[in-house]
Amino acid sequence: MKILQLYARAVTALNRVLFAVAGLLMAVIVPVMMFEVISRYVFNAPTTWGMELAILLFGPYFLLGGPYLLHLRGHVSLDLFHRRLRPSARRVVDAIHQVIIIVFCGILLYYSWPLAVQAFEYRETSFSAWNPPVWPYKFAVPLSMFLLALQSVAELVMLPERTYTEENAA
């Protein structure tokens, strides 16, 4: 049991760090968008790269934040029914949810990995005027699905330790 708790803590710590790194991407996205808006509307000189860079960075920002958000229970959920259940039933429902998440991640990982590898092999670019490589961003999908599945397993491991009261039910 100790090794499972160690696993859960390690995965959660890794995802916490990636969550912080993903948050730092906003420190790049916001100034790039401001520069683009000012260039476009004040100087009438839009960039060829501003909007595209912001869009490319937003994907990893969104995806890499998800696994730790799962731990924080920050995803949108319908908890009206969940709160009305007895603690033992809540635990069962939460376990089912985690299994569904793991299956979902497995399916997305299965289909996204070959696409990311193919983009790397072909050195895929955006085919825009700026034409940056997009294969690094395509790897964000399978990486985030793998990390989300690991976090979901960690949540399953820690489920028996979670307390279910009316105050913290979510």
N, C-alpha and C. Protein backbone atom coordinates (compact mmCIF):
# COMPACT_ATOMS: atom_id res chain seq x y z
N MET A 1 0.82 -1.19 0.00
CA MET A 1 0.00 0.00 0.00
C MET A 1 0.87 1.25 0.00
N LYS A 2 2.00 1.22 0.65
CA LYS A 2 2.91 2.36 0.69
C LYS A 2 3.37 2.75 -0.71
N ILE A 3 3.66 1.74 -1.54
CA ILE A 3 4.15 2.03 -2.89
C ILE A 3 3.07 2.71 -3.73
N LEU A 4 1.81 2.34 -3.52
CA LEU A 4 0.71 2.98 -4.25
C LEU A 4 0.54 4.43 -3.82
N GLN A 5 0.70 4.69 -2.52
CA GLN A 5 0.62 6.07 -2.04
C GLN A 5 1.79 6.89 -2.57
N LEU A 6 2.96 6.28 -2.62
CA LEU A 6 4.13 6.95 -3.18
C LEU A 6 3.89 7.27 -4.66
N TYR A 7 3.35 6.31 -5.39
CA TYR A 7 3.00 6.53 -6.80
C TYR A 7 2.04 7.71 -6.93
N ALA A 8 0.97 7.70 -6.13
CA ALA A 8 -0.04 8.76 -6.22
C ALA A 8 0.57 10.12 -5.91
N ARG A 9 1.42 10.20 -4.91
CA ARG A 9 2.06 11.48 -4.56
C ARG A 9 3.01 11.94 -5.66
N ALA A 10 3.77 10.99 -6.23
CA ALA A 10 4.74 11.34 -7.28
C ALA A 10 4.04 11.85 -8.53
N VAL A 11 2.99 11.16 -8.95
CA VAL A 11 2.24 11.57 -10.15
C VAL A 11 1.59 12.93 -9.92
N THR A 12 1.00 13.10 -8.75
CA THR A 12 0.36 14.38 -8.44
C THR A 12 1.38 15.51 -8.39
N ALA A 13 2.56 15.25 -7.83
CA ALA A 13 3.62 16.26 -7.78
C ALA A 13 4.09 16.63 -9.20
N LEU A 14 4.27 15.62 -10.05
CA LEU A 14 4.67 15.88 -11.44
C LEU A 14 3.62 16.74 -12.15
N ASN A 15 2.36 16.37 -11.98
CA ASN A 15 1.29 17.12 -12.64
C ASN A 15 1.13 18.52 -12.05
N ARG A 16 1.45 18.69 -10.77
CA ARG A 16 1.42 20.02 -10.16
C ARG A 16 2.48 20.91 -10.81
N VAL A 17 3.67 20.36 -11.04
CA VAL A 17 4.74 21.13 -11.69
C VAL A 17 4.34 21.49 -13.12
N LEU A 18 3.80 20.53 -13.85
CA LEU A 18 3.37 20.80 -15.23
C LEU A 18 2.21 21.80 -15.28
N PHE A 19 1.37 21.77 -14.27
CA PHE A 19 0.28 22.74 -14.15
C PHE A 19 0.86 24.15 -14.01
N ALA A 20 1.90 24.28 -13.19
CA ALA A 20 2.55 25.59 -13.01
C ALA A 20 3.24 26.03 -14.30
N VAL A 21 3.91 25.10 -14.97
CA VAL A 21 4.57 25.42 -16.24
C VAL A 21 3.53 25.83 -17.28
N ALA A 22 2.43 25.12 -17.33
CA ALA A 22 1.36 25.47 -18.27
C ALA A 22 0.83 26.87 -17.96
N GLY A 23 0.73 27.19 -16.69
CA GLY A 23 0.29 28.53 -16.30
C GLY A 23 1.25 29.59 -16.78
N LEU A 24 2.54 29.26 -16.79
CA LEU A 24 3.53 30.23 -17.26
C LEU A 24 3.39 30.51 -18.76
N LEU A 25 2.78 29.59 -19.49
CA LEU A 25 2.56 29.84 -20.91
C LEU A 25 1.68 31.07 -21.12
N MET A 26 0.83 31.37 -20.16
CA MET A 26 0.01 32.58 -20.27
C MET A 26 0.88 33.83 -20.22
N ALA A 27 2.04 33.73 -19.57
CA ALA A 27 2.96 34.86 -19.53
C ALA A 27 3.58 35.12 -20.90
N VAL A 28 3.46 34.15 -21.79
CA VAL A 28 3.91 34.33 -23.18
C VAL A 28 2.72 34.69 -24.07
N ILE A 29 1.61 34.00 -23.89
CA ILE A 29 0.44 34.18 -24.75
C ILE A 29 -0.11 35.60 -24.65
N VAL A 30 -0.26 36.11 -23.44
CA VAL A 30 -0.87 37.44 -23.26
C VAL A 30 -0.03 38.54 -23.92
N PRO A 31 1.29 38.63 -23.67
CA PRO A 31 2.06 39.68 -24.35
C PRO A 31 2.07 39.53 -25.88
N VAL A 32 2.11 38.29 -26.36
CA VAL A 32 2.07 38.08 -27.81
C VAL A 32 0.76 38.61 -28.38
N MET A 33 -0.35 38.31 -27.71
CA MET A 33 -1.65 38.81 -28.18
C MET A 33 -1.72 40.33 -28.10
N MET A 34 -1.18 40.90 -27.03
CA MET A 34 -1.17 42.36 -26.91
C MET A 34 -0.34 42.98 -28.04
N PHE A 35 0.81 42.40 -28.32
CA PHE A 35 1.66 42.90 -29.40
C PHE A 35 0.93 42.82 -30.74
N GLU A 36 0.25 41.71 -30.96
CA GLU A 36 -0.50 41.52 -32.22
C GLU A 36 -1.60 42.56 -32.36
N VAL A 37 -2.35 42.78 -31.29
CA VAL A 37 -3.45 43.74 -31.34
C VAL A 37 -2.93 45.15 -31.57
N ILE A 38 -1.88 45.52 -30.85
CA ILE A 38 -1.31 46.86 -31.02
C ILE A 38 -0.74 47.02 -32.43
N SER A 39 -0.02 46.02 -32.90
CA SER A 39 0.54 46.08 -34.26
C SER A 39 -0.54 46.22 -35.31
N ARG A 40 -1.60 45.45 -35.13
CA ARG A 40 -2.67 45.41 -36.13
C ARG A 40 -3.50 46.69 -36.11
N TYR A 41 -3.95 47.11 -34.93
CA TYR A 41 -4.93 48.20 -34.87
C TYR A 41 -4.33 49.58 -34.64
N VAL A 42 -3.16 49.67 -34.04
CA VAL A 42 -2.54 50.97 -33.83
C VAL A 42 -1.63 51.33 -35.00
N PHE A 43 -0.81 50.37 -35.43
CA PHE A 43 0.16 50.65 -36.48
C PHE A 43 -0.25 50.12 -37.85
N ASN A 44 -1.41 49.45 -37.91
CA ASN A 44 -1.90 48.85 -39.16
C ASN A 44 -0.84 47.96 -39.80
N ALA A 45 -0.14 47.20 -38.95
CA ALA A 45 0.93 46.31 -39.42
C ALA A 45 0.84 44.97 -38.69
N PRO A 46 -0.14 44.14 -39.05
CA PRO A 46 -0.27 42.85 -38.35
C PRO A 46 0.95 41.97 -38.57
N THR A 47 1.22 41.14 -37.58
CA THR A 47 2.34 40.22 -37.70
C THR A 47 1.88 38.97 -38.43
N THR A 48 2.84 38.22 -38.93
CA THR A 48 2.51 36.94 -39.58
C THR A 48 2.54 35.80 -38.57
N TRP A 49 2.99 36.08 -37.36
CA TRP A 49 3.22 35.01 -36.40
C TRP A 49 2.45 35.15 -35.09
N GLY A 50 1.98 36.33 -34.73
CA GLY A 50 1.41 36.57 -33.41
C GLY A 50 0.23 35.70 -33.06
N MET A 51 -0.80 35.77 -33.86
CA MET A 51 -2.01 35.00 -33.58
C MET A 51 -1.74 33.50 -33.63
N GLU A 52 -0.95 33.08 -34.60
CA GLU A 52 -0.66 31.65 -34.74
C GLU A 52 0.12 31.12 -33.54
N LEU A 53 1.10 31.89 -33.05
CA LEU A 53 1.86 31.47 -31.88
C LEU A 53 0.96 31.35 -30.66
N ALA A 54 0.08 32.31 -30.48
CA ALA A 54 -0.85 32.26 -29.34
C ALA A 54 -1.73 31.02 -29.42
N ILE A 55 -2.21 30.72 -30.61
CA ILE A 55 -3.07 29.54 -30.79
C ILE A 55 -2.28 28.25 -30.53
N LEU A 56 -1.06 28.18 -31.04
CA LEU A 56 -0.24 26.98 -30.84
C LEU A 56 0.10 26.78 -29.36
N LEU A 57 0.33 27.85 -28.63
CA LEU A 57 0.68 27.73 -27.21
C LEU A 57 -0.54 27.45 -26.34
N PHE A 58 -1.71 27.87 -26.78
CA PHE A 58 -2.90 27.66 -25.97
C PHE A 58 -3.25 26.18 -25.85
N GLY A 59 -2.98 25.39 -26.89
CA GLY A 59 -3.25 23.95 -26.82
C GLY A 59 -2.51 23.27 -25.68
N PRO A 60 -1.17 23.38 -25.63
CA PRO A 60 -0.45 22.78 -24.50
C PRO A 60 -0.86 23.37 -23.15
N TYR A 61 -1.15 24.67 -23.10
CA TYR A 61 -1.61 25.30 -21.86
C TYR A 61 -2.86 24.59 -21.35
N PHE A 62 -3.82 24.43 -22.22
CA PHE A 62 -5.09 23.81 -21.87
C PHE A 62 -4.91 22.34 -21.50
N LEU A 63 -4.15 21.61 -22.32
CA LEU A 63 -4.02 20.17 -22.14
C LEU A 63 -3.16 19.79 -20.94
N LEU A 64 -2.06 20.48 -20.71
CA LEU A 64 -1.16 20.09 -19.62
C LEU A 64 -1.67 20.52 -18.25
N GLY A 65 -2.63 21.43 -18.23
CA GLY A 65 -3.24 21.81 -16.96
C GLY A 65 -4.28 20.82 -16.48
N GLY A 66 -4.83 20.04 -17.40
CA GLY A 66 -5.92 19.12 -17.09
C GLY A 66 -5.65 18.06 -16.04
N PRO A 67 -4.50 17.38 -16.09
CA PRO A 67 -4.28 16.32 -15.11
C PRO A 67 -4.29 16.80 -13.66
N TYR A 68 -3.66 17.93 -13.38
CA TYR A 68 -3.66 18.42 -11.99
C TYR A 68 -5.03 18.99 -11.63
N LEU A 69 -5.71 19.54 -12.61
CA LEU A 69 -7.06 20.03 -12.37
C LEU A 69 -7.98 18.88 -11.96
N LEU A 70 -7.74 17.69 -12.50
CA LEU A 70 -8.49 16.50 -12.08
C LEU A 70 -8.27 16.25 -10.60
N HIS A 71 -7.04 16.36 -10.16
CA HIS A 71 -6.73 16.17 -8.74
C HIS A 71 -7.43 17.22 -7.87
N LEU A 72 -7.48 18.45 -8.35
CA LEU A 72 -8.12 19.53 -7.60
C LEU A 72 -9.64 19.45 -7.64
N ARG A 73 -10.14 18.53 -8.48
CA ARG A 73 -11.58 18.39 -8.70
C ARG A 73 -12.14 19.68 -9.28
N GLY A 74 -11.38 20.25 -10.20
CA GLY A 74 -11.73 21.54 -10.78
C GLY A 74 -12.45 21.45 -12.11
N HIS A 75 -12.65 20.25 -12.62
CA HIS A 75 -13.37 20.10 -13.88
C HIS A 75 -14.86 20.31 -13.64
N VAL A 76 -15.55 20.68 -14.68
CA VAL A 76 -16.99 20.87 -14.58
C VAL A 76 -17.63 19.53 -14.26
N SER A 77 -18.53 19.55 -13.29
CA SER A 77 -19.21 18.30 -12.94
C SER A 77 -20.65 18.61 -12.54
N LEU A 78 -21.45 17.59 -12.63
CA LEU A 78 -22.85 17.70 -12.22
C LEU A 78 -22.95 17.04 -10.86
N ASP A 79 -22.85 17.85 -9.81
CA ASP A 79 -22.78 17.26 -8.47
C ASP A 79 -24.11 17.31 -7.73
N LEU A 80 -25.19 17.70 -8.38
CA LEU A 80 -26.49 17.73 -7.71
C LEU A 80 -26.89 16.34 -7.22
N PHE A 81 -26.65 15.34 -8.05
CA PHE A 81 -26.99 13.97 -7.67
C PHE A 81 -25.92 13.39 -6.76
N HIS A 82 -24.68 13.73 -7.03
CA HIS A 82 -23.55 13.20 -6.27
C HIS A 82 -23.67 13.55 -4.79
N ARG A 83 -24.07 14.77 -4.49
CA ARG A 83 -24.19 15.22 -3.09
C ARG A 83 -25.30 14.49 -2.34
N ARG A 84 -26.28 14.00 -3.06
CA ARG A 84 -27.41 13.32 -2.40
C ARG A 84 -27.12 11.86 -2.08
N LEU A 85 -26.02 11.35 -2.60
CA LEU A 85 -25.68 9.94 -2.36
C LEU A 85 -25.02 9.76 -1.00
N ARG A 86 -25.14 8.55 -0.49
CA ARG A 86 -24.41 8.20 0.74
C ARG A 86 -22.91 8.17 0.41
N PRO A 87 -22.04 8.38 1.40
CA PRO A 87 -20.59 8.37 1.15
C PRO A 87 -20.10 7.11 0.43
N SER A 88 -20.63 5.95 0.77
CA SER A 88 -20.19 4.72 0.10
C SER A 88 -20.59 4.73 -1.38
N ALA A 89 -21.77 5.25 -1.68
CA ALA A 89 -22.21 5.33 -3.08
C ALA A 89 -21.39 6.37 -3.84
N ARG A 90 -21.04 7.46 -3.17
CA ARG A 90 -20.19 8.48 -3.81
C ARG A 90 -18.85 7.89 -4.20
N ARG A 91 -18.32 7.07 -3.31
CA ARG A 91 -17.01 6.44 -3.58
C ARG A 91 -17.11 5.53 -4.81
N VAL A 92 -18.19 4.79 -4.93
CA VAL A 92 -18.38 3.90 -6.07
C VAL A 92 -18.53 4.72 -7.36
N VAL A 93 -19.32 5.78 -7.30
CA VAL A 93 -19.50 6.64 -8.48
C VAL A 93 -18.17 7.26 -8.88
N ASP A 94 -17.40 7.74 -7.91
CA ASP A 94 -16.09 8.34 -8.22
C ASP A 94 -15.14 7.31 -8.84
N ALA A 95 -15.18 6.08 -8.34
CA ALA A 95 -14.34 5.02 -8.92
C ALA A 95 -14.74 4.75 -10.37
N ILE A 96 -16.04 4.72 -10.63
CA ILE A 96 -16.52 4.50 -12.00
C ILE A 96 -16.07 5.65 -12.90
N HIS A 97 -16.17 6.87 -12.39
CA HIS A 97 -15.71 8.04 -13.16
C HIS A 97 -14.24 7.92 -13.53
N GLN A 98 -13.41 7.51 -12.58
CA GLN A 98 -11.97 7.39 -12.85
C GLN A 98 -11.71 6.32 -13.90
N VAL A 99 -12.42 5.22 -13.83
CA VAL A 99 -12.25 4.17 -14.84
C VAL A 99 -12.65 4.68 -16.22
N ILE A 100 -13.74 5.44 -16.29
CA ILE A 100 -14.17 6.01 -17.57
C ILE A 100 -13.10 6.96 -18.11
N ILE A 101 -12.52 7.77 -17.24
CA ILE A 101 -11.46 8.69 -17.66
C ILE A 101 -10.27 7.92 -18.20
N ILE A 102 -9.89 6.84 -17.53
CA ILE A 102 -8.75 6.04 -17.98
C ILE A 102 -9.02 5.44 -19.36
N VAL A 103 -10.22 4.92 -19.56
CA VAL A 103 -10.58 4.36 -20.86
C VAL A 103 -10.56 5.44 -21.94
N PHE A 104 -11.15 6.60 -21.63
CA PHE A 104 -11.15 7.72 -22.56
C PHE A 104 -9.73 8.12 -22.93
N CYS A 105 -8.86 8.22 -21.93
CA CYS A 105 -7.46 8.58 -22.19
C CYS A 105 -6.77 7.52 -23.05
N GLY A 106 -7.06 6.27 -22.78
CA GLY A 106 -6.47 5.19 -23.58
C GLY A 106 -6.88 5.28 -25.04
N ILE A 107 -8.15 5.58 -25.29
CA ILE A 107 -8.63 5.70 -26.67
C ILE A 107 -7.97 6.90 -27.35
N LEU A 108 -7.94 8.04 -26.68
CA LEU A 108 -7.31 9.23 -27.28
C LEU A 108 -5.82 9.03 -27.48
N LEU A 109 -5.18 8.38 -26.54
CA LEU A 109 -3.75 8.09 -26.67
C LEU A 109 -3.50 7.17 -27.86
N TYR A 110 -4.33 6.18 -28.02
CA TYR A 110 -4.20 5.23 -29.13
C TYR A 110 -4.29 5.93 -30.48
N TYR A 111 -5.19 6.88 -30.60
CA TYR A 111 -5.38 7.56 -31.88
C TYR A 111 -4.48 8.78 -32.08
N SER A 112 -4.07 9.43 -31.00
CA SER A 112 -3.27 10.66 -31.15
C SER A 112 -1.78 10.38 -31.29
N TRP A 113 -1.29 9.30 -30.71
CA TRP A 113 0.14 9.00 -30.80
C TRP A 113 0.61 8.83 -32.24
N PRO A 114 -0.05 8.00 -33.05
CA PRO A 114 0.41 7.85 -34.45
C PRO A 114 0.37 9.17 -35.22
N LEU A 115 -0.61 10.02 -34.96
CA LEU A 115 -0.68 11.31 -35.65
C LEU A 115 0.47 12.22 -35.25
N ALA A 116 0.85 12.21 -33.98
CA ALA A 116 1.97 13.01 -33.52
C ALA A 116 3.28 12.49 -34.11
N VAL A 117 3.44 11.17 -34.13
CA VAL A 117 4.66 10.57 -34.70
C VAL A 117 4.74 10.89 -36.19
N GLN A 118 3.62 10.76 -36.89
CA GLN A 118 3.59 11.06 -38.33
C GLN A 118 3.94 12.53 -38.58
N ALA A 119 3.41 13.42 -37.76
CA ALA A 119 3.74 14.85 -37.91
C ALA A 119 5.23 15.08 -37.71
N PHE A 120 5.82 14.35 -36.77
CA PHE A 120 7.27 14.47 -36.54
C PHE A 120 8.05 13.92 -37.73
N GLU A 121 7.66 12.75 -38.21
CA GLU A 121 8.37 12.13 -39.33
C GLU A 121 8.32 13.00 -40.59
N TYR A 122 7.20 13.64 -40.82
CA TYR A 122 7.06 14.49 -42.00
C TYR A 122 7.50 15.93 -41.74
N ARG A 123 7.92 16.20 -40.50
CA ARG A 123 8.31 17.57 -40.11
C ARG A 123 7.19 18.54 -40.48
N GLU A 124 5.99 18.18 -40.07
CA GLU A 124 4.80 18.94 -40.43
C GLU A 124 4.89 20.38 -39.94
N THR A 125 4.46 21.29 -40.80
CA THR A 125 4.40 22.71 -40.46
C THR A 125 2.96 23.19 -40.65
N SER A 126 2.72 24.44 -40.33
CA SER A 126 1.36 24.97 -40.40
C SER A 126 0.97 25.41 -41.80
N PHE A 127 1.91 25.52 -42.70
CA PHE A 127 1.67 25.97 -44.07
C PHE A 127 1.11 27.39 -44.13
N SER A 128 1.41 28.19 -43.12
CA SER A 128 1.00 29.59 -43.11
C SER A 128 2.16 30.44 -43.63
N ALA A 129 1.99 31.74 -43.60
CA ALA A 129 3.07 32.64 -44.01
C ALA A 129 4.26 32.49 -43.07
N TRP A 130 3.99 32.28 -41.79
CA TRP A 130 5.07 32.10 -40.81
C TRP A 130 5.63 30.69 -40.90
N ASN A 131 4.75 29.69 -41.03
CA ASN A 131 5.09 28.29 -41.27
C ASN A 131 5.93 27.62 -40.17
N PRO A 132 5.49 27.72 -38.90
CA PRO A 132 6.26 27.05 -37.84
C PRO A 132 6.00 25.55 -37.85
N PRO A 133 6.89 24.77 -37.27
CA PRO A 133 6.61 23.33 -37.13
C PRO A 133 5.48 23.13 -36.12
N VAL A 134 4.57 22.21 -36.43
CA VAL A 134 3.45 21.96 -35.52
C VAL A 134 3.58 20.62 -34.80
N TRP A 135 4.55 19.81 -35.24
CA TRP A 135 4.66 18.49 -34.61
C TRP A 135 4.94 18.58 -33.11
N PRO A 136 5.70 19.55 -32.58
CA PRO A 136 5.87 19.57 -31.12
C PRO A 136 4.54 19.78 -30.38
N TYR A 137 3.67 20.57 -30.97
CA TYR A 137 2.38 20.84 -30.33
C TYR A 137 1.45 19.64 -30.43
N LYS A 138 1.60 18.86 -31.48
CA LYS A 138 0.77 17.66 -31.62
C LYS A 138 1.12 16.60 -30.57
N PHE A 139 2.34 16.62 -30.06
CA PHE A 139 2.72 15.69 -29.01
C PHE A 139 2.08 16.05 -27.66
N ALA A 140 1.56 17.26 -27.55
CA ALA A 140 0.90 17.66 -26.30
C ALA A 140 -0.34 16.82 -26.04
N VAL A 141 -1.01 16.36 -27.08
CA VAL A 141 -2.24 15.57 -26.90
C VAL A 141 -1.94 14.20 -26.29
N PRO A 142 -1.08 13.36 -26.90
CA PRO A 142 -0.82 12.07 -26.26
C PRO A 142 -0.13 12.21 -24.89
N LEU A 143 0.76 13.19 -24.77
CA LEU A 143 1.41 13.40 -23.47
C LEU A 143 0.39 13.74 -22.40
N SER A 144 -0.52 14.65 -22.69
CA SER A 144 -1.51 15.03 -21.70
C SER A 144 -2.48 13.89 -21.40
N MET A 145 -2.81 13.08 -22.39
CA MET A 145 -3.70 11.94 -22.14
C MET A 145 -3.00 10.90 -21.25
N PHE A 146 -1.72 10.70 -21.49
CA PHE A 146 -0.95 9.78 -20.65
C PHE A 146 -0.91 10.29 -19.21
N LEU A 147 -0.62 11.58 -19.03
CA LEU A 147 -0.56 12.17 -17.70
C LEU A 147 -1.92 12.18 -17.02
N LEU A 148 -2.98 12.42 -17.78
CA LEU A 148 -4.32 12.39 -17.22
C LEU A 148 -4.69 10.98 -16.76
N ALA A 149 -4.31 9.97 -17.55
CA ALA A 149 -4.56 8.59 -17.14
C ALA A 149 -3.78 8.24 -15.88
N LEU A 150 -2.52 8.66 -15.81
CA LEU A 150 -1.72 8.41 -14.60
C LEU A 150 -2.36 9.08 -13.38
N GLN A 151 -2.85 10.32 -13.57
CA GLN A 151 -3.48 11.03 -12.45
C GLN A 151 -4.78 10.36 -12.06
N SER A 152 -5.51 9.85 -13.02
CA SER A 152 -6.76 9.16 -12.72
C SER A 152 -6.50 7.89 -11.91
N VAL A 153 -5.45 7.17 -12.27
CA VAL A 153 -5.07 5.99 -11.48
C VAL A 153 -4.67 6.43 -10.06
N ALA A 154 -3.94 7.54 -9.95
CA ALA A 154 -3.56 8.05 -8.63
C ALA A 154 -4.81 8.41 -7.82
N GLU A 155 -5.81 9.00 -8.47
CA GLU A 155 -7.04 9.34 -7.76
C GLU A 155 -7.76 8.07 -7.30
N LEU A 156 -7.73 7.02 -8.11
CA LEU A 156 -8.31 5.73 -7.69
C LEU A 156 -7.59 5.17 -6.48
N VAL A 157 -6.26 5.28 -6.49
CA VAL A 157 -5.46 4.77 -5.37
C VAL A 157 -5.81 5.52 -4.09
N MET A 158 -6.01 6.83 -4.20
CA MET A 158 -6.26 7.65 -3.02
C MET A 158 -7.75 7.69 -2.63
N LEU A 159 -8.60 7.08 -3.41
CA LEU A 159 -10.04 7.11 -3.14
C LEU A 159 -10.42 6.61 -1.74
N PRO A 160 -9.84 5.52 -1.26
CA PRO A 160 -10.22 5.06 0.08
C PRO A 160 -9.89 6.07 1.19
N GLU A 161 -8.91 6.93 0.94
CA GLU A 161 -8.53 7.92 1.95
C GLU A 161 -9.37 9.18 1.90
N ARG A 162 -10.09 9.39 0.81
CA ARG A 162 -10.91 10.60 0.67
C ARG A 162 -12.08 10.52 1.63
N THR A 163 -12.33 11.62 2.31
CA THR A 163 -13.48 11.68 3.20
C THR A 163 -14.65 12.31 2.46
N TYR A 164 -15.83 11.78 2.72
CA TYR A 164 -17.03 12.26 2.06
C TYR A 164 -17.98 12.80 3.11
N THR A 165 -18.02 14.10 3.21
CA THR A 165 -18.98 14.76 4.09
C THR A 165 -19.78 15.75 3.26
N GLU A 166 -20.81 16.32 3.83
CA GLU A 166 -21.63 17.28 3.11
C GLU A 166 -20.84 18.53 2.74
N GLU A 167 -19.86 18.92 3.55
CA GLU A 167 -19.10 20.13 3.31
C GLU A 167 -18.15 19.99 2.13
N ASN A 168 -17.52 18.82 1.94
CA ASN A 168 -16.51 18.71 0.88
C ASN A 168 -16.95 17.82 -0.27
N ALA A 169 -18.21 17.50 -0.34
CA ALA A 169 -18.69 16.70 -1.46
C ALA A 169 -18.67 17.54 -2.72
N ALA A 170 -18.13 16.95 -3.78
CA ALA A 170 -18.09 17.69 -5.04
C ALA A 170 -18.22 16.75 -6.19
